[in-house]
Amino acid sequence: MCERRCTGDGRLQNTMKDKYLLLAKCAVNVMCILGIPTTIAVPFFLKWYGKINNHFSGILYPIQTVMFVISGVFACLIVFELRSMLKTVEEENCFVKNNVTSLERMGWYSFIIAIVSMIRLALYVTPGCFAIIVVFIIAGLFSKVLGKVFEKAIEYKEDNDLTI
């Protein structure tokens, strides 16, 4: 059941929407805070993990490290784009060109992560790697399509603004 409350200026606002927005902002902020140090820690973690799993030691260590760091950097970039988009949602002005650009970038970043994971798959086959590839291909396609939807919505909004 969604509650509605008065904002003080006579408008009713959906508190459930506020809760989801707050939850999304918190999640994205946590990802921002943890994403960079986690990406930086990859070489150290893989060095340790290489002692347990041979696929992450020797000549494969630098290759795996570079691939994981590349994926981590692009994952962080996706989170930063999400953070930027959440600000426009919070301001109730989400149909702007910056969001179309963010969605386009997130699509490309997702495809890059999927490609890097495909290359990694050639070195070490895991079910998780297959899942990452599928998830990021879907995320990339979703971002690209949603970018086109936003682009069209902006056109309609601009037409409507000119009409009024």
C-alpha atoms as a PDB file:
ATOM      1  CA  MET A   1       0.000   0.000   0.000  1.00  0.00           C
ATOM      2  CA  CYS A   2       1.499   3.333  -1.025  1.00  0.00           C
ATOM      3  CA  GLU A   3       1.153   6.233   1.356  1.00  0.00           C
ATOM      4  CA  ARG A   4       0.828   9.827   0.229  1.00  0.00           C
ATOM      5  CA  ARG A   5       1.883  12.864   2.200  1.00  0.00           C
ATOM      6  CA  CYS A   6       1.695  16.600   1.791  1.00  0.00           C
ATOM      7  CA  THR A   7       4.989  18.303   0.858  1.00  0.00           C
ATOM      8  CA  GLY A   8       4.102  21.629   2.483  1.00  0.00           C
ATOM      9  CA  ASP A   9       3.337  23.426  -0.757  1.00  0.00           C
ATOM     10  CA  GLY A  10       0.051  21.607  -1.224  1.00  0.00           C
ATOM     11  CA  ARG A  11       1.471  18.838  -3.425  1.00  0.00           C
ATOM     12  CA  LEU A  12       1.039  15.205  -2.449  1.00  0.00           C
ATOM     13  CA  GLN A  13       4.114  13.088  -2.697  1.00  0.00           C
ATOM     14  CA  ASN A  14       4.457   9.332  -2.791  1.00  0.00           C
ATOM     15  CA  THR A  15       6.501   8.241   0.231  1.00  0.00           C
ATOM     16  CA  MET A  16       7.093   4.777  -1.232  1.00  0.00           C
ATOM     17  CA  LYS A  17       8.844   6.440  -4.173  1.00  0.00           C
ATOM     18  CA  ASP A  18      10.990   8.374  -1.691  1.00  0.00           C
ATOM     19  CA  LYS A  19      11.959   5.142   0.064  1.00  0.00           C
ATOM     20  CA  TYR A  20      13.020   3.499  -3.189  1.00  0.00           C
ATOM     21  CA  LEU A  21      14.970   6.585  -4.220  1.00  0.00           C
ATOM     22  CA  LEU A  22      16.709   6.690  -0.826  1.00  0.00           C
ATOM     23  CA  LEU A  23      17.492   2.972  -1.049  1.00  0.00           C
ATOM     24  CA  ALA A  24      18.872   3.392  -4.583  1.00  0.00           C
ATOM     25  CA  LYS A  25      20.976   6.385  -3.527  1.00  0.00           C
ATOM     26  CA  CYS A  26      22.384   4.489  -0.545  1.00  0.00           C
ATOM     27  CA  ALA A  27      23.206   1.444  -2.670  1.00  0.00           C
ATOM     28  CA  VAL A  28      24.897   3.544  -5.349  1.00  0.00           C
ATOM     29  CA  ASN A  29      26.855   5.523  -2.746  1.00  0.00           C
ATOM     30  CA  VAL A  30      28.056   2.304  -1.099  1.00  0.00           C
ATOM     31  CA  MET A  31      29.109   1.002  -4.513  1.00  0.00           C
ATOM     32  CA  CYS A  32      30.966   4.281  -5.182  1.00  0.00           C
ATOM     33  CA  ILE A  33      32.735   4.111  -1.830  1.00  0.00           C
ATOM     34  CA  LEU A  34      33.671   0.421  -2.129  1.00  0.00           C
ATOM     35  CA  GLY A  35      34.207   0.182  -5.896  1.00  0.00           C
ATOM     36  CA  ILE A  36      37.442   2.127  -6.173  1.00  0.00           C
ATOM     37  CA  PRO A  37      39.291   0.489  -3.245  1.00  0.00           C
ATOM     38  CA  THR A  38      38.052  -2.930  -4.372  1.00  0.00           C
ATOM     39  CA  THR A  39      39.392  -2.334  -7.881  1.00  0.00           C
ATOM     40  CA  ILE A  40      42.698  -1.113  -6.455  1.00  0.00           C
ATOM     41  CA  ALA A  41      42.888  -4.226  -4.238  1.00  0.00           C
ATOM     42  CA  VAL A  42      42.477  -6.649  -7.162  1.00  0.00           C
ATOM     43  CA  PRO A  43      46.226  -7.213  -7.720  1.00  0.00           C
ATOM     44  CA  PHE A  44      46.754  -7.988  -4.037  1.00  0.00           C
ATOM     45  CA  PHE A  45      43.749 -10.268  -3.813  1.00  0.00           C
ATOM     46  CA  LEU A  46      44.711 -12.172  -6.979  1.00  0.00           C
ATOM     47  CA  LYS A  47      48.292 -12.537  -5.757  1.00  0.00           C
ATOM     48  CA  TRP A  48      46.943 -14.203  -2.616  1.00  0.00           C
ATOM     49  CA  TYR A  49      44.338 -16.235  -4.565  1.00  0.00           C
ATOM     50  CA  GLY A  50      47.045 -17.398  -7.001  1.00  0.00           C
ATOM     51  CA  LYS A  51      48.519 -19.434  -4.146  1.00  0.00           C
ATOM     52  CA  ILE A  52      45.266 -21.410  -4.002  1.00  0.00           C
ATOM     53  CA  ASN A  53      44.316 -21.500  -7.689  1.00  0.00           C
ATOM     54  CA  ASN A  54      46.969 -21.919 -10.413  1.00  0.00           C
ATOM     55  CA  HIS A  55      44.837 -20.091 -12.978  1.00  0.00           C
ATOM     56  CA  PHE A  56      45.670 -16.865 -11.146  1.00  0.00           C
ATOM     57  CA  SER A  57      49.424 -17.357 -10.731  1.00  0.00           C
ATOM     58  CA  GLY A  58      52.535 -17.305 -12.895  1.00  0.00           C
ATOM     59  CA  ILE A  59      52.075 -15.830 -16.362  1.00  0.00           C
ATOM     60  CA  LEU A  60      48.288 -15.742 -15.901  1.00  0.00           C
ATOM     61  CA  TYR A  61      48.520 -13.447 -12.859  1.00  0.00           C
ATOM     62  CA  PRO A  62      49.222 -10.201 -14.774  1.00  0.00           C
ATOM     63  CA  ILE A  63      46.729 -11.076 -17.509  1.00  0.00           C
ATOM     64  CA  GLN A  64      43.946 -11.908 -15.035  1.00  0.00           C
ATOM     65  CA  THR A  65      44.813  -8.821 -12.966  1.00  0.00           C
ATOM     66  CA  VAL A  66      44.585  -6.475 -15.955  1.00  0.00           C
ATOM     67  CA  MET A  67      41.257  -7.980 -17.024  1.00  0.00           C
ATOM     68  CA  PHE A  68      39.733  -7.740 -13.546  1.00  0.00           C
ATOM     69  CA  VAL A  69      40.983  -4.163 -13.108  1.00  0.00           C
ATOM     70  CA  ILE A  70      39.566  -3.140 -16.504  1.00  0.00           C
ATOM     71  CA  SER A  71      36.215  -4.677 -15.556  1.00  0.00           C
ATOM     72  CA  GLY A  72      36.362  -2.954 -12.156  1.00  0.00           C
ATOM     73  CA  VAL A  73      37.098   0.448 -13.680  1.00  0.00           C
ATOM     74  CA  PHE A  74      34.189   0.157 -16.101  1.00  0.00           C
ATOM     75  CA  ALA A  75      31.902  -1.093 -13.327  1.00  0.00           C
ATOM     76  CA  CYS A  76      32.850   2.004 -11.291  1.00  0.00           C
ATOM     77  CA  LEU A  77      32.104   4.197 -14.311  1.00  0.00           C
ATOM     78  CA  ILE A  78      28.645   2.601 -14.575  1.00  0.00           C
ATOM     79  CA  VAL A  79      28.023   3.389 -10.904  1.00  0.00           C
ATOM     80  CA  PHE A  80      29.126   7.017 -11.395  1.00  0.00           C
ATOM     81  CA  GLU A  81      26.710   7.359 -14.331  1.00  0.00           C
ATOM     82  CA  LEU A  82      23.926   5.880 -12.183  1.00  0.00           C
ATOM     83  CA  ARG A  83      24.743   8.380  -9.458  1.00  0.00           C
ATOM     84  CA  SER A  84      24.480  11.214 -11.954  1.00  0.00           C
ATOM     85  CA  MET A  85      21.121   9.929 -13.178  1.00  0.00           C
ATOM     86  CA  LEU A  86      19.768   9.545  -9.643  1.00  0.00           C
ATOM     87  CA  LYS A  87      20.424  13.249  -9.044  1.00  0.00           C
ATOM     88  CA  THR A  88      18.114  14.131 -11.934  1.00  0.00           C
ATOM     89  CA  VAL A  89      15.447  11.766 -10.607  1.00  0.00           C
ATOM     90  CA  GLU A  90      15.733  13.386  -7.204  1.00  0.00           C
ATOM     91  CA  GLU A  91      15.333  16.818  -8.817  1.00  0.00           C
ATOM     92  CA  GLU A  92      12.304  15.456 -10.721  1.00  0.00           C
ATOM     93  CA  ASN A  93      13.912  16.414 -14.011  1.00  0.00           C
ATOM     94  CA  CYS A  94      14.991  13.062 -15.427  1.00  0.00           C
ATOM     95  CA  PHE A  95      14.158  13.623 -19.093  1.00  0.00           C
ATOM     96  CA  VAL A  96      17.354  15.482 -19.953  1.00  0.00           C
ATOM     97  CA  LYS A  97      20.077  14.896 -22.538  1.00  0.00           C
ATOM     98  CA  ASN A  98      22.640  14.087 -19.819  1.00  0.00           C
ATOM     99  CA  ASN A  99      20.661  10.968 -18.914  1.00  0.00           C
ATOM    100  CA  VAL A 100      20.603   9.851 -22.544  1.00  0.00           C
ATOM    101  CA  THR A 101      24.384  10.293 -22.627  1.00  0.00           C
ATOM    102  CA  SER A 102      24.732   8.399 -19.326  1.00  0.00           C
ATOM    103  CA  LEU A 103      22.619   5.514 -20.614  1.00  0.00           C
ATOM    104  CA  GLU A 104      24.645   5.367 -23.829  1.00  0.00           C
ATOM    105  CA  ARG A 105      27.894   5.284 -21.847  1.00  0.00           C
ATOM    106  CA  MET A 106      26.565   2.629 -19.464  1.00  0.00           C
ATOM    107  CA  GLY A 107      25.656   0.502 -22.482  1.00  0.00           C
ATOM    108  CA  TRP A 108      29.187   0.739 -23.878  1.00  0.00           C
ATOM    109  CA  TYR A 109      30.755   0.124 -20.459  1.00  0.00           C
ATOM    110  CA  SER A 110      28.597  -2.983 -20.047  1.00  0.00           C
ATOM    111  CA  PHE A 111      29.604  -4.300 -23.456  1.00  0.00           C
ATOM    112  CA  ILE A 112      33.289  -3.727 -22.613  1.00  0.00           C
ATOM    113  CA  ILE A 113      32.916  -5.698 -19.376  1.00  0.00           C
ATOM    114  CA  ALA A 114      31.196  -8.509 -21.317  1.00  0.00           C
ATOM    115  CA  ILE A 115      34.005  -8.575 -23.916  1.00  0.00           C
ATOM    116  CA  VAL A 116      36.729  -8.595 -21.256  1.00  0.00           C
ATOM    117  CA  SER A 117      34.875 -11.437 -19.520  1.00  0.00           C
ATOM    118  CA  MET A 118      34.726 -13.373 -22.809  1.00  0.00           C
ATOM    119  CA  ILE A 119      38.499 -13.032 -23.125  1.00  0.00           C
ATOM    120  CA  ARG A 120      38.875 -14.137 -19.495  1.00  0.00           C
ATOM    121  CA  LEU A 121      36.687 -17.127 -20.290  1.00  0.00           C
ATOM    122  CA  ALA A 122      39.356 -18.328 -22.732  1.00  0.00           C
ATOM    123  CA  LEU A 123      41.817 -18.449 -19.824  1.00  0.00           C
ATOM    124  CA  TYR A 124      39.618 -19.905 -17.123  1.00  0.00           C
ATOM    125  CA  VAL A 125      36.118 -21.308 -17.630  1.00  0.00           C
ATOM    126  CA  THR A 126      33.661 -20.779 -14.784  1.00  0.00           C
ATOM    127  CA  PRO A 127      29.862 -20.701 -14.644  1.00  0.00           C
ATOM    128  CA  GLY A 128      30.123 -17.282 -12.980  1.00  0.00           C
ATOM    129  CA  CYS A 129      31.965 -15.887 -15.975  1.00  0.00           C
ATOM    130  CA  PHE A 130      29.166 -17.049 -18.289  1.00  0.00           C
ATOM    131  CA  ALA A 131      26.655 -15.344 -15.996  1.00  0.00           C
ATOM    132  CA  ILE A 132      28.658 -12.099 -15.996  1.00  0.00           C
ATOM    133  CA  ILE A 133      28.801 -12.108 -19.790  1.00  0.00           C
ATOM    134  CA  VAL A 134      25.040 -12.625 -20.130  1.00  0.00           C
ATOM    135  CA  VAL A 135      24.189 -10.060 -17.430  1.00  0.00           C
ATOM    136  CA  PHE A 136      26.386  -7.347 -18.938  1.00  0.00           C
ATOM    137  CA  ILE A 137      25.197  -7.992 -22.500  1.00  0.00           C
ATOM    138  CA  ILE A 138      21.606  -7.655 -21.275  1.00  0.00           C
ATOM    139  CA  ALA A 139      22.533  -4.561 -19.221  1.00  0.00           C
ATOM    140  CA  GLY A 140      24.230  -3.031 -22.260  1.00  0.00           C
ATOM    141  CA  LEU A 141      21.244  -3.676 -24.511  1.00  0.00           C
ATOM    142  CA  PHE A 142      18.843  -2.426 -21.838  1.00  0.00           C
ATOM    143  CA  SER A 143      20.862   0.778 -21.390  1.00  0.00           C
ATOM    144  CA  LYS A 144      21.024   1.416 -25.132  1.00  0.00           C
ATOM    145  CA  VAL A 145      17.273   0.853 -25.589  1.00  0.00           C
ATOM    146  CA  LEU A 146      16.386   2.923 -22.518  1.00  0.00           C
ATOM    147  CA  GLY A 147      18.634   5.693 -23.864  1.00  0.00           C
ATOM    148  CA  LYS A 148      16.571   5.739 -27.063  1.00  0.00           C
ATOM    149  CA  VAL A 149      13.352   5.806 -25.013  1.00  0.00           C
ATOM    150  CA  PHE A 150      14.648   8.773 -23.000  1.00  0.00           C
ATOM    151  CA  GLU A 151      15.744  10.512 -26.200  1.00  0.00           C
ATOM    152  CA  LYS A 152      12.230  10.162 -27.629  1.00  0.00           C
ATOM    153  CA  ALA A 153      10.660  11.311 -24.341  1.00  0.00           C
ATOM    154  CA  ILE A 154      12.841  14.428 -24.417  1.00  0.00           C
ATOM    155  CA  GLU A 155      11.680  15.162 -27.966  1.00  0.00           C
ATOM    156  CA  TYR A 156       8.028  14.824 -26.890  1.00  0.00           C
ATOM    157  CA  LYS A 157       8.684  16.974 -23.822  1.00  0.00           C
ATOM    158  CA  GLU A 158      10.343  19.701 -25.911  1.00  0.00           C
ATOM    159  CA  ASP A 159       7.484  19.611 -28.444  1.00  0.00           C
ATOM    160  CA  ASN A 160       4.977  19.821 -25.606  1.00  0.00           C
ATOM    161  CA  ASP A 161       6.860  22.742 -23.998  1.00  0.00           C
ATOM    162  CA  LEU A 162       6.817  24.623 -27.318  1.00  0.00           C
ATOM    163  CA  THR A 163       3.086  23.964 -27.752  1.00  0.00           C
ATOM    164  CA  ILE A 164       2.230  25.443 -24.375  1.00  0.00           C
END
